[in-house]
Protein backbone atom coordinates (compact mmCIF):
# COMPACT_ATOMS: atom_id res chain seq x y z
CA PRO A 1 -13.27 9.43 -6.70
CA GLY A 2 -15.01 12.60 -5.54
CA ARG A 3 -17.27 14.47 -7.92
CA ALA A 4 -16.23 12.33 -10.89
CA SER A 5 -17.42 9.19 -9.10
CA GLU A 6 -20.63 10.88 -8.00
CA ALA A 7 -21.30 11.98 -11.57
CA ALA A 8 -20.58 8.47 -12.84
CA PHE A 9 -22.93 7.00 -10.25
CA LEU A 10 -25.73 9.38 -11.28
CA VAL A 11 -25.23 8.68 -14.98
CA ILE A 12 -25.17 4.92 -14.46
CA SER A 13 -28.25 5.09 -12.26
CA LEU A 14 -30.13 7.04 -14.93
CA LEU A 15 -28.96 4.80 -17.75
CA MET A 16 -29.95 1.80 -15.69
CA PHE A 17 -33.59 2.82 -16.12
CA ARG A 18 -33.27 3.96 -19.72
CA CYS A 19 -30.58 2.12 -21.66
CA CYS A 20 -31.18 -1.22 -19.97
CA ARG A 21 -34.90 -1.06 -20.78
CA PRO A 22 -34.69 -2.95 -24.11
CA VAL A 23 -32.69 -5.69 -22.37
CA LEU A 24 -35.30 -5.88 -19.63
CA ARG A 25 -38.01 -6.31 -22.23
CA ARG A 26 -36.18 -9.37 -23.50
CA LYS A 27 -35.19 -10.95 -20.22
CA ALA A 28 -36.58 -10.03 -16.84
CA GLY A 29 -34.32 -9.66 -13.81
CA ILE A 30 -31.02 -8.84 -15.58
CA LEU A 31 -30.12 -5.74 -13.61
CA PRO A 32 -26.91 -4.81 -11.80
CA SER A 33 -26.62 -5.76 -8.15
CA LEU A 34 -25.56 -3.21 -5.54
CA GLU A 35 -22.05 -4.63 -5.76
CA ASP A 36 -22.08 -4.16 -9.55
CA LEU A 37 -23.32 -0.58 -9.24
CA LEU A 38 -20.54 0.16 -6.77
CA PHE A 39 -18.01 -1.39 -9.16
CA TYR A 40 -19.25 0.73 -12.08
CA THR A 41 -19.13 3.84 -9.91
CA ILE A 42 -15.48 3.39 -8.98
CA ALA A 43 -14.27 1.80 -12.24
CA GLU A 44 -15.41 4.80 -14.34
CA GLY A 45 -15.63 2.78 -17.52
CA GLN A 46 -12.67 0.46 -16.91
CA GLU A 47 -12.89 -3.33 -16.72
CA LYS A 48 -10.81 -3.54 -13.55
CA ILE A 49 -10.29 -1.46 -10.42
CA PRO A 50 -6.76 -1.18 -9.03
CA ALA A 51 -6.92 -1.90 -5.29
CA HIS A 52 -5.36 1.46 -4.44
CA LYS A 53 -8.08 3.22 -6.44
CA PHE A 54 -10.75 1.50 -4.36
CA THR A 55 -9.09 2.41 -1.05
CA THR A 56 -8.49 5.99 -2.22
CA ALA A 57 -12.15 6.33 -3.22
CA LEU A 58 -13.15 4.84 0.13
CA LYS A 59 -11.06 7.36 2.07
CA ALA A 60 -12.65 10.18 0.09
CA THR A 61 -15.99 9.27 1.69
CA GLY A 62 -14.41 9.62 5.14
CA LEU A 63 -14.17 5.90 5.91
CA ARG A 64 -10.86 4.31 6.85
CA THR A 65 -9.61 0.95 5.69
CA GLY A 66 -9.06 0.10 9.36
CA ASP A 67 -12.69 0.79 10.29
CA PRO A 68 -13.88 -2.20 12.37
CA ARG A 69 -17.13 -2.26 10.37
CA LEU A 70 -15.12 -3.00 7.20
CA LYS A 71 -13.04 -5.77 8.69
CA GLU A 72 -14.50 -8.54 6.50
CA CYS A 73 -14.12 -6.47 3.33
CA MET A 74 -10.49 -5.55 4.03
CA GLU A 75 -9.54 -9.09 4.99
CA MET A 76 -11.11 -10.49 1.83
CA LEU A 77 -9.40 -7.78 -0.23
CA LYS A 78 -6.04 -8.75 1.21
CA VAL A 79 -6.62 -12.44 0.46
CA THR A 80 -7.97 -11.75 -3.03
CA LEU A 81 -5.07 -9.53 -4.07
CA LYS A 82 -2.70 -12.45 -3.49
CA THR A 83 -4.44 -14.26 -6.33
CA THR A 84 -4.04 -11.40 -8.84
CA SER A 85 -0.94 -10.55 -10.83
CA ASP A 86 -1.68 -6.86 -11.35
CA GLY A 87 -3.21 -5.84 -8.01
CA ALA A 88 -6.53 -5.07 -9.72
CA LEU A 89 -10.05 -6.41 -9.25
CA ASP A 90 -12.49 -7.35 -11.98
CA ARG A 91 -16.21 -7.16 -11.35
CA HIS A 92 -16.49 -10.66 -9.89
CA LEU A 93 -13.47 -10.33 -7.57
CA PHE A 94 -14.68 -6.90 -6.46
CA LYS A 95 -18.10 -8.31 -5.62
CA LYS A 96 -16.46 -11.07 -3.59
CA CYS A 97 -14.56 -8.47 -1.54
CA VAL A 98 -17.35 -5.98 -0.83
CA GLN A 99 -20.47 -8.10 -0.50
CA SER A 100 -20.11 -8.62 3.28
CA ASN A 101 -20.11 -4.85 3.89
CA ILE A 102 -22.15 -3.68 0.90
CA VAL A 103 -24.76 -1.76 2.94
CA LEU A 104 -22.17 0.50 4.60
CA LEU A 105 -20.20 0.92 1.36
CA THR A 106 -23.33 1.80 -0.60
CA GLN A 107 -24.24 4.43 1.99
CA ALA A 108 -20.75 5.88 1.74
CA PHE A 109 -20.62 6.13 -2.05
CA ARG A 110 -24.20 7.35 -2.34
CA LYS A 111 -23.25 10.16 0.06
CA LYS A 112 -25.73 9.12 2.69
CA PHE A 113 -23.49 10.03 5.63
CA VAL A 114 -24.06 13.07 7.84
CA ILE A 115 -21.37 15.00 5.94
CA PRO A 116 -22.14 14.03 2.32
CA ASP A 117 -19.42 16.13 0.62
CA PHE A 118 -16.66 15.11 2.99
CA GLN A 119 -13.55 16.24 1.09
CA PRO A 120 -14.62 19.92 0.77
CA PHE A 121 -15.53 19.85 4.45
CA CYS A 122 -12.08 18.51 5.35
CA ALA A 123 -10.47 21.25 3.25
CA HIS A 124 -12.32 23.82 5.37
CA MET A 125 -11.18 22.08 8.56
CA ASP A 126 -7.57 22.21 7.35
CA GLU A 127 -7.92 25.95 6.76
CA LEU A 128 -9.23 26.48 10.29
CA TYR A 129 -6.33 24.39 11.60
CA ASP A 130 -3.79 26.52 9.70
CA ASN A 131 -5.37 29.75 10.95
CA ALA A 132 -5.06 28.65 14.58
CA LYS A 133 -1.55 27.28 14.03
CA ASN A 134 -0.25 30.82 13.52
CA LEU A 135 -1.14 31.79 17.11
CA SER A 136 1.82 31.93 19.46
CA GLY A 137 0.38 33.08 22.80
CA GLY A 138 -0.21 31.11 25.99
CA GLN A 139 1.94 29.10 28.37
CA VAL A 140 2.37 25.34 28.74
CA ALA A 141 1.10 24.18 32.14
CA ASP A 142 4.01 23.59 34.54
CA TYR A 143 2.37 23.11 37.95
CA ILE A 144 2.40 19.41 37.10
CA PRO A 145 6.06 18.90 36.11
CA GLN A 146 5.30 16.15 33.58
CA LEU A 147 3.06 18.48 31.53
CA ALA A 148 5.84 21.06 31.21
CA ARG A 149 7.81 18.65 28.99
CA PHE A 150 5.50 19.08 25.98
CA SER A 151 6.57 21.33 23.12
CA PRO A 152 4.44 24.46 22.66
CA ASP A 153 4.54 23.84 18.90
CA LEU A 154 2.42 20.69 19.07
CA TRP A 155 -0.99 21.23 17.48
CA ALA A 156 -3.54 18.66 16.32
CA VAL A 157 -7.21 18.35 15.38
CA ALA A 158 -9.10 15.10 14.78
CA LEU A 159 -12.76 14.56 14.06
CA CYS A 160 -15.07 11.58 13.85
CA THR A 161 -18.64 11.94 12.60
CA VAL A 162 -21.62 9.97 13.87
CA ASP A 163 -21.28 7.81 10.73
CA GLY A 164 -17.62 7.08 11.42
CA GLN A 165 -16.12 9.48 8.88
CA ARG A 166 -12.62 10.43 10.02
CA HIS A 167 -10.25 13.32 9.39
CA THR A 168 -7.04 14.31 11.15
CA VAL A 169 -4.51 17.08 10.73
CA GLY A 170 -1.34 17.84 12.67
CA ASP A 171 0.23 15.87 15.53
CA THR A 172 -2.77 13.60 15.98
CA LYS A 173 -0.85 10.44 16.93
CA VAL A 174 1.09 11.98 19.85
CA PRO A 175 -0.24 10.64 23.20
CA PHE A 176 -1.25 13.14 25.89
CA CYS A 177 -3.19 12.95 29.14
CA LEU A 178 -6.88 13.74 29.29
CA GLN A 179 -6.60 15.66 32.58
CA SER A 180 -9.94 17.46 33.08
CA CYS A 181 -11.25 16.24 29.71
CA VAL A 182 -11.93 12.99 31.54
CA LYS A 183 -14.49 14.65 33.84
CA PRO A 184 -17.51 14.51 31.52
CA LEU A 185 -16.63 10.95 30.55
CA LYS A 186 -16.54 9.64 34.10
CA TYR A 187 -19.72 11.56 34.95
CA ALA A 188 -21.41 9.90 31.95
CA ILE A 189 -20.24 6.50 33.17
CA ALA A 190 -21.55 7.22 36.68
CA VAL A 191 -25.00 8.15 35.35
CA HIS A 192 -24.99 5.16 33.02
CA ASP A 193 -24.22 2.85 35.95
CA HIS A 194 -26.32 4.42 38.70
CA GLY A 195 -28.86 6.79 37.11
CA THR A 196 -29.27 10.55 37.39
CA GLU A 197 -31.06 10.63 40.72
CA TYR A 198 -28.42 8.63 42.59
CA VAL A 199 -25.44 10.54 41.16
CA HIS A 200 -26.96 13.90 42.00
CA ARG A 201 -27.52 12.94 45.61
CA PHE A 202 -23.80 13.71 45.89
CA ILE A 203 -23.15 16.33 43.17
CA GLY A 204 -25.00 19.47 42.02
CA LYS A 205 -25.81 20.64 38.52
CA GLU A 206 -25.09 24.39 38.61
CA PRO A 207 -22.04 26.34 37.39
CA SER A 208 -20.05 27.40 40.44
CA GLY A 209 -18.89 30.81 39.28
CA LEU A 210 -15.57 30.00 41.01
CA ARG A 211 -12.19 28.59 40.06
CA PHE A 212 -12.31 24.87 39.27
CA ASN A 213 -10.10 23.94 42.27
CA LYS A 214 -11.76 26.06 44.98
CA LEU A 215 -12.55 24.56 48.41
CA PHE A 216 -16.19 25.53 48.19
CA LEU A 217 -19.52 23.68 48.17
CA ASN A 218 -23.07 24.73 47.36
CA GLU A 219 -25.72 25.53 49.95
CA ASP A 220 -26.54 21.82 50.26
CA ASP A 221 -22.89 21.01 51.03
CA LYS A 222 -22.41 19.30 47.66
CA PRO A 223 -19.86 20.06 44.94
CA HIS A 224 -21.45 22.44 42.45
CA ASN A 225 -21.12 20.15 39.40
CA PRO A 226 -19.03 17.23 38.06
CA MET A 227 -16.80 19.52 35.96
CA VAL A 228 -15.00 21.15 38.91
CA ASN A 229 -12.42 19.21 40.90
CA ALA A 230 -14.59 18.68 43.98
CA GLY A 231 -17.43 17.24 41.89
CA ALA A 232 -15.03 15.15 39.81
CA ILE A 233 -13.44 13.68 42.94
CA VAL A 234 -16.85 12.67 44.33
CA CYS A 235 -17.84 11.32 40.90
CA THR A 236 -14.68 9.18 40.92
CA SER A 237 -16.00 7.35 43.97
CA LEU A 238 -18.97 6.12 41.93
CA ILE A 239 -17.37 4.48 38.90
CA LYS A 240 -15.38 1.72 37.26
CA VAL A 241 -13.88 3.26 34.18
CA MET A 242 -11.21 1.67 31.95
CA ASN A 243 -13.48 -0.78 30.14
CA PHE A 244 -15.81 2.10 29.31
CA MET A 245 -12.93 4.24 28.03
CA ASN A 246 -11.90 1.56 25.58
CA LYS A 247 -15.47 1.18 24.35
CA LEU A 248 -15.93 4.95 24.03
CA ALA A 249 -12.82 5.10 21.84
CA GLY A 250 -13.89 2.18 19.68
CA ASN A 251 -10.91 0.20 20.98
CA GLU A 252 -8.48 2.77 19.62
CA TYR A 253 -5.55 4.00 21.72
CA VAL A 254 -6.24 4.48 25.42
CA GLY A 255 -3.17 4.29 27.67
CA PHE A 256 -1.87 5.42 31.02
CA SER A 257 1.01 7.72 31.96
CA ASN A 258 2.43 6.52 35.26
CA ALA A 259 4.93 9.41 35.26
CA THR A 260 2.06 11.90 35.06
CA PHE A 261 0.17 10.04 37.77
CA GLN A 262 3.15 10.23 40.14
CA SER A 263 3.66 13.87 39.23
CA GLU A 264 -0.05 14.61 39.87
CA ARG A 265 0.01 12.92 43.27
CA GLU A 266 3.20 14.64 44.39
CA SER A 267 1.91 18.09 43.40
CA GLY A 268 -1.74 17.50 44.41
CA ASP A 269 -1.86 19.33 47.75
CA ARG A 270 -4.89 21.37 46.68
CA ASN A 271 -6.79 18.24 45.64
CA PHE A 272 -5.90 16.51 48.92
CA ALA A 273 -7.27 19.57 50.73
CA ILE A 274 -10.48 19.34 48.66
CA GLY A 275 -10.68 15.63 49.47
CA TYR A 276 -10.46 16.15 53.22
CA TYR A 277 -12.98 19.00 53.00
CA LEU A 278 -15.40 16.71 51.12
CA LYS A 279 -14.85 13.99 53.72
CA GLU A 280 -15.55 16.43 56.55
CA LYS A 281 -18.81 17.48 54.88
CA LYS A 282 -19.79 13.82 54.31
CA CYS A 283 -20.00 14.31 50.54
CA PHE A 284 -18.87 10.78 49.65
CA PRO A 285 -21.03 7.65 49.62
CA GLU A 286 -20.83 5.78 52.92
CA GLY A 287 -17.72 3.63 53.31
CA THR A 288 -15.62 5.52 50.76
CA ASP A 289 -11.83 5.44 51.25
CA MET A 290 -11.02 9.06 50.47
CA THR A 291 -7.28 8.62 49.91
CA ALA A 292 -7.88 5.66 47.57
CA ILE A 293 -10.40 7.74 45.64
CA LEU A 294 -7.88 10.57 45.29
CA ASP A 295 -5.35 8.12 43.91
CA PHE A 296 -7.98 6.91 41.43
CA TYR A 297 -8.79 10.53 40.57
CA PHE A 298 -5.14 11.23 39.73
CA GLN A 299 -5.00 8.02 37.70
CA LEU A 300 -8.02 9.03 35.63
CA CYS A 301 -6.47 12.42 34.90
CA SER A 302 -3.40 10.51 33.71
CA ILE A 303 -5.23 8.39 31.15
CA GLU A 304 -3.50 8.85 27.80
CA VAL A 305 -5.22 9.26 24.45
CA THR A 306 -4.36 10.61 21.05
CA CYS A 307 -6.42 13.19 19.21
CA GLU A 308 -7.65 10.37 16.99
CA SER A 309 -8.92 8.10 19.77
CA ALA A 310 -10.36 11.02 21.77
CA SER A 311 -12.32 12.21 18.73
CA VAL A 312 -14.10 8.83 18.72
CA MET A 313 -14.96 9.34 22.40
CA ALA A 314 -16.46 12.74 21.54
CA ALA A 315 -18.30 11.21 18.58
CA THR A 316 -19.82 8.56 20.87
CA LEU A 317 -21.32 11.42 22.89
CA ALA A 318 -22.45 13.12 19.66
CA ASN A 319 -24.07 9.84 18.58
CA GLY A 320 -26.28 9.39 21.64
CA GLY A 321 -24.00 6.85 23.33
CA PHE A 322 -23.36 4.56 20.34
CA CYS A 323 -19.73 4.31 19.24
CA PRO A 324 -19.78 5.24 15.52
CA ILE A 325 -17.02 2.87 14.42
CA THR A 326 -18.21 -0.23 16.30
CA GLY A 327 -21.96 0.35 16.52
CA GLU A 328 -21.86 -0.66 20.19
CA ARG A 329 -24.10 1.02 22.74
CA VAL A 330 -21.68 2.36 25.36
CA LEU A 331 -23.73 4.94 27.28
CA SER A 332 -27.43 5.38 27.96
CA PRO A 333 -29.32 8.29 26.32
CA GLU A 334 -29.91 9.72 29.80
CA ALA A 335 -26.18 9.74 30.57
CA VAL A 336 -25.33 11.42 27.25
CA ARG A 337 -28.01 14.10 27.56
CA ASN A 338 -26.97 14.99 31.12
CA THR A 339 -23.29 15.06 30.19
CA LEU A 340 -23.75 17.34 27.18
CA SER A 341 -25.94 19.68 29.24
CA LEU A 342 -23.25 20.06 31.92
CA MET A 343 -20.45 20.37 29.37
CA HIS A 344 -22.38 23.21 27.75
CA SER A 345 -22.81 25.14 30.99
CA CYS A 346 -19.71 24.19 33.01
CA GLY A 347 -17.12 22.58 30.76
CA MET A 348 -14.65 25.37 30.01
CA TYR A 349 -13.50 26.53 33.45
CA ASP A 350 -14.19 30.25 34.00
CA PHE A 351 -14.67 30.69 30.26
CA SER A 352 -17.77 28.48 30.19
CA GLY A 353 -20.28 31.31 29.80
CA GLN A 354 -18.25 32.99 27.07
CA PHE A 355 -17.78 29.69 25.25
CA ALA A 356 -21.50 28.86 25.47
CA PHE A 357 -22.27 32.32 24.08
CA HIS A 358 -19.77 32.41 21.21
CA VAL A 359 -19.44 28.72 20.30
CA GLY A 360 -22.70 27.29 21.63
CA LEU A 361 -21.53 23.67 21.78
CA PRO A 362 -20.81 21.20 24.61
CA ALA A 363 -17.06 21.06 25.32
CA LYS A 364 -14.54 20.22 28.02
CA SER A 365 -10.99 21.48 28.29
CA GLY A 366 -8.00 20.13 30.19
CA VAL A 367 -4.67 21.59 31.33
CA ALA A 368 -2.76 19.23 29.03
CA GLY A 369 -4.12 21.38 26.18
CA GLY A 370 -7.04 19.30 25.00
CA ILE A 371 -10.54 20.47 24.13
CA LEU A 372 -13.15 17.75 23.73
CA LEU A 373 -15.85 19.27 21.50
CA VAL A 374 -19.22 17.71 20.64
CA VAL A 375 -21.47 18.74 17.75
CA PRO A 376 -24.59 16.73 18.69
CA ASN A 377 -25.84 14.39 15.98
CA VAL A 378 -22.97 15.41 13.70
CA MET A 379 -19.47 14.73 15.05
CA GLY A 380 -16.95 14.76 17.87
CA VAL A 381 -13.71 16.75 17.74
CA MET A 382 -10.55 16.73 19.81
CA CYS A 383 -8.26 19.75 19.56
CA TRP A 384 -4.89 19.58 21.30
CA SER A 385 -2.22 22.22 21.78
CA PRO A 386 -0.33 22.58 25.11
CA PRO A 387 -0.09 26.42 25.42
CA LEU A 388 -2.93 27.64 27.66
CA ASP A 389 -4.53 31.03 28.20
CA LYS A 390 -4.95 32.58 31.66
CA LEU A 391 -8.14 30.58 32.25
CA GLY A 392 -6.48 27.24 31.52
CA ASN A 393 -7.85 26.63 28.00
CA SER A 394 -5.82 25.82 24.89
CA VAL A 395 -5.20 29.05 22.96
CA ARG A 396 -5.24 27.38 19.56
CA GLY A 397 -8.14 25.12 20.56
CA ILE A 398 -10.35 28.07 21.54
CA GLN A 399 -9.54 29.82 18.27
CA PHE A 400 -10.35 26.68 16.24
CA CYS A 401 -13.71 26.17 18.00
CA THR A 402 -14.66 29.82 17.53
CA ASP A 403 -13.73 29.77 13.84
CA LEU A 404 -15.60 26.49 13.36
CA VAL A 405 -18.98 27.93 14.34
CA SER A 406 -18.25 31.18 12.50
CA LEU A 407 -17.95 29.17 9.28
CA PHE A 408 -20.53 26.42 9.86
CA ASN A 409 -24.01 26.63 11.39
CA PHE A 410 -23.11 24.36 14.30
CA HIS A 411 -23.90 26.81 17.11
CA ASN A 412 -26.72 25.41 19.22
CA TYR A 413 -28.92 28.39 18.34
CA ASP A 414 -28.08 28.80 14.66
CA ASN A 415 -31.23 28.50 12.60
CA LEU A 416 -30.54 25.77 10.06
CA ARG A 417 -33.10 27.09 7.62
CA HIS A 418 -32.58 30.83 7.59
CA PHE A 419 -28.94 31.48 8.54
CA ALA A 420 -27.78 31.88 4.96
CA LYS A 421 -24.39 33.40 5.78
CA LYS A 422 -23.06 30.15 7.23
CA LEU A 423 -22.30 26.85 5.55
CA ASP A 424 -24.23 23.68 6.38
CA PRO A 425 -22.03 20.67 5.58
CA ARG A 426 -24.97 18.38 6.30
CA ARG A 427 -26.53 19.44 3.01
CA GLU A 428 -25.30 17.97 -0.22
CA GLY A 429 -24.15 20.44 -2.86
CA GLY A 430 -24.70 20.33 -6.60
CA ASP A 431 -27.92 19.84 -8.54
CA GLN A 432 -30.28 18.89 -5.77
CA ARG A 433 -33.24 18.05 -7.99
CA VAL A 434 -31.31 15.60 -10.16
CA LYS A 435 -29.79 13.89 -7.14
CA SER A 436 -33.16 13.80 -5.43
CA VAL A 437 -34.69 11.96 -8.40
CA ILE A 438 -31.82 9.49 -8.56
CA ASN A 439 -31.90 8.78 -4.84
CA LEU A 440 -35.66 8.22 -5.01
CA LEU A 441 -35.49 5.89 -8.01
CA PHE A 442 -32.51 4.01 -6.62
CA ALA A 443 -34.33 3.38 -3.35
CA ALA A 444 -37.31 2.07 -5.32
CA TYR A 445 -35.02 -0.12 -7.42
CA THR A 446 -33.34 -1.69 -4.37
CA GLY A 447 -36.57 -2.05 -2.40
CA ASP A 448 -35.30 0.27 0.34
CA VAL A 449 -38.55 1.19 2.10
CA SER A 450 -36.72 2.80 5.05
CA ALA A 451 -35.01 5.25 2.67
CA LEU A 452 -38.33 6.01 0.97
CA ARG A 453 -39.86 6.63 4.38
CA ARG A 454 -37.09 9.13 5.17
CA PHE A 455 -37.62 10.86 1.82
CA ALA A 456 -41.36 11.12 2.42
CA LEU A 457 -40.86 12.49 5.93
CA SER A 458 -38.49 15.12 4.53
CA SER A 459 -41.27 16.34 2.20
CA MET A 460 -39.67 14.97 -0.97
CA ASP A 461 -41.96 14.85 -4.00
CA MET A 462 -42.53 11.09 -4.27
CA GLU A 463 -44.01 11.46 -7.77
CA GLN A 464 -41.03 13.22 -9.35
CA ARG A 465 -39.75 11.78 -12.63
CA ASP A 466 -36.47 11.25 -14.44
CA TYR A 467 -36.00 12.51 -18.00
CA ASP A 468 -37.77 9.40 -19.32
CA SER A 469 -40.77 10.37 -17.15
CA ARG A 470 -40.32 7.24 -15.06
CA THR A 471 -41.41 7.39 -11.44
CA ALA A 472 -40.43 5.43 -8.35
CA LEU A 473 -43.67 3.47 -8.80
CA HIS A 474 -42.60 2.44 -12.33
CA VAL A 475 -39.28 1.16 -11.03
CA ALA A 476 -40.69 -0.65 -8.00
CA ALA A 477 -43.35 -2.33 -10.15
CA ALA A 478 -40.75 -3.46 -12.70
CA GLU A 479 -38.62 -4.95 -9.92
CA GLY A 480 -41.53 -6.62 -8.14
CA HIS A 481 -41.04 -4.80 -4.83
CA ALA A 482 -44.58 -5.18 -3.52
CA GLU A 483 -43.77 -3.54 -0.18
CA VAL A 484 -42.43 -0.46 -1.94
CA VAL A 485 -45.44 -0.31 -4.27
CA ARG A 486 -47.80 -0.56 -1.31
CA PHE A 487 -45.89 2.14 0.60
CA LEU A 488 -45.96 4.55 -2.36
CA LEU A 489 -49.67 4.00 -2.92
CA GLU A 490 -50.93 3.80 0.65
CA ALA A 491 -48.61 6.11 2.58
CA CYS A 492 -47.56 8.56 -0.13
CA LYS A 493 -50.82 8.53 -2.14
CA VAL A 494 -48.96 8.70 -5.45
CA ASN A 495 -50.76 8.55 -8.78
CA PRO A 496 -51.08 4.82 -9.62
CA VAL A 497 -51.28 5.43 -13.39
CA PRO A 498 -48.38 7.73 -14.39
CA ARG A 499 -47.11 7.24 -17.95
CA ASP A 500 -43.47 7.29 -18.97
CA ARG A 501 -42.18 8.57 -22.32
CA TRP A 502 -43.16 5.28 -23.96
CA GLY A 503 -46.69 5.50 -22.58
CA ASN A 504 -46.19 2.67 -20.09
CA THR A 505 -47.74 2.66 -16.62
CA PRO A 506 -46.48 0.82 -13.51
CA MET A 507 -49.16 -1.79 -14.24
CA ASP A 508 -47.58 -2.40 -17.66
CA GLU A 509 -44.21 -2.97 -15.96
CA ALA A 510 -45.59 -5.39 -13.40
CA VAL A 511 -47.55 -7.35 -16.02
CA HIS A 512 -44.58 -7.54 -18.40
CA PHE A 513 -42.21 -8.93 -15.77
CA GLY A 514 -44.75 -11.29 -14.27
CA HIS A 515 -45.00 -9.81 -10.80
CA HIS A 516 -48.46 -11.12 -9.92
CA ASP A 517 -48.59 -9.70 -6.40
CA VAL A 518 -47.74 -6.20 -7.65
CA VAL A 519 -50.37 -6.47 -10.41
CA THR A 520 -52.98 -7.35 -7.78
CA ILE A 521 -52.07 -4.31 -5.67
CA LEU A 522 -52.11 -1.95 -8.66
CA ARG A 523 -55.43 -3.29 -10.01
CA ASP A 524 -57.15 -2.32 -6.75
CA TYR A 525 -55.77 1.21 -6.91
CA HIS A 526 -56.52 1.61 -10.60
CA THR A 527 -60.22 1.30 -9.89
CA GLN A 528 -60.05 3.81 -7.02
CA TYR A 529 -58.03 6.52 -8.76
CA SER A 530 -59.78 7.45 -12.03
CA PRO A 531 -62.30 5.02 -13.48
CA GLN A 532 -62.57 6.95 -16.76
CA GLU A 533 -58.82 7.11 -17.36
CA THR A 534 -58.02 3.59 -16.20
CA ALA A 535 -60.92 1.55 -17.59
CA ALA A 536 -59.12 0.61 -20.77
CA ASN A 537 -55.85 -0.02 -18.93
CA LYS A 538 -57.58 -2.22 -16.38
CA GLU A 539 -59.39 -4.29 -19.01
CA ASN A 540 -56.14 -4.79 -20.90
CA ALA A 541 -54.26 -5.66 -17.71
CA ASP A 542 -56.96 -8.15 -16.69
CA ASP A 543 -56.69 -9.92 -20.02
CA ILE A 544 -52.92 -10.18 -19.79
CA TYR A 545 -53.01 -11.15 -16.11
CA LEU A 546 -55.46 -14.00 -16.78
CA SER A 547 -53.25 -15.29 -19.56
CA MET A 548 -50.12 -15.47 -17.36
């Protein structure tokens, strides 16, 4: 796995176009399938792949064997292994196991996820975790008696990228209550259900500049925003939540702590005072039962998650409302955009301005010690450590978030192109030109027009060649991918008559393998490109074409 597998994949991909050429001349169509290429990548020259080697290589990409998207593959693997004596898969058994999920697996092993070099990235995350672990300041919240029971030594970080890559470190399976981390989630649900305009008839959008539990409204007699208690209580009157929570977490752990709920209600005098104040000012929708809503509010604060399940919730926000590990649309784009905007400006209690300045990412903290952090279009993170600073934020969590954007260019206002002092894990390391050529030729080989479109939009040179001087047009013509040939010629305006090291053009490839439709397309472009250069080629191609 890792760099060895990547190197093997590149070598095999190159050899596919060079060493297999004599075979292709003898018999058209004998080329490895995607499943075969994946097998060769992992096998590294062996005839069989031990099952544990496959799962280890899979985890190195960031995917988990329990990923819902890989359910068919893992079930077939389990069944297939019962038929083997050595726990290993030959090429045919491997193909049987992976073919139902080959698209996702190919993306993973071709490093097409948002964090292509995932293992080095995880090593950095572990270092940041260890740095924050050494902090010893802060106090565990005790105004809710149930929270005071947690050990101050607990410390966990979990992340989930928008492609479903997962990494955890520390006490990530210990359940804890969301507390105020639930506020952005229930606001998102309210907007998803009712729309922005309706929700903000009852709640403002501005930072309050006051403590989160103040009995204070804005000049329109509305709570300032959904991230303070008053706004969260009003927001609670607008939603139905548990089904959404399960979907946000990709059906991973979401529970309920009745002990915390009872503890919250018994010590919730301030929130009851806020509730009656809101009722007096007619802040609730008509017909709302204020005491029932307060009970529901306490219940939502008492929803239990683990760092692992909460990181999927954060990743769903990072992914525009789609849960990365199920692919299900959970929230509308409008709800996600609004939620991230308010998290950015109001999510960290009285530290919100400082956090926006230094970290520059949407986040929400809670008095249980959690910090729900969103890196839009990249990943969601949940940090959890019970000791809090004077403003109610996790001491270790704040340190981790600050260190994260000091190392990586994730700050909202980092310039991705010119901030050379920071790392960008979204960019693949190594020899970019070689990998660029291989990715281009592989897309042409598989007929992946969408990948070619992405390459073209990213200003990739669509005429670049491998060391045999073969272009994407050569490969697409040899494989008979007419749509790819048309895209390269019409959209990318590539040279229709490039010659490889053997002097062959794409037309030669199409004629040799009998791809009549591709020959027809190329003949039209031959006449348009350079009549002097292509006259002889065209005459020869016409003769061969007519004799097919």
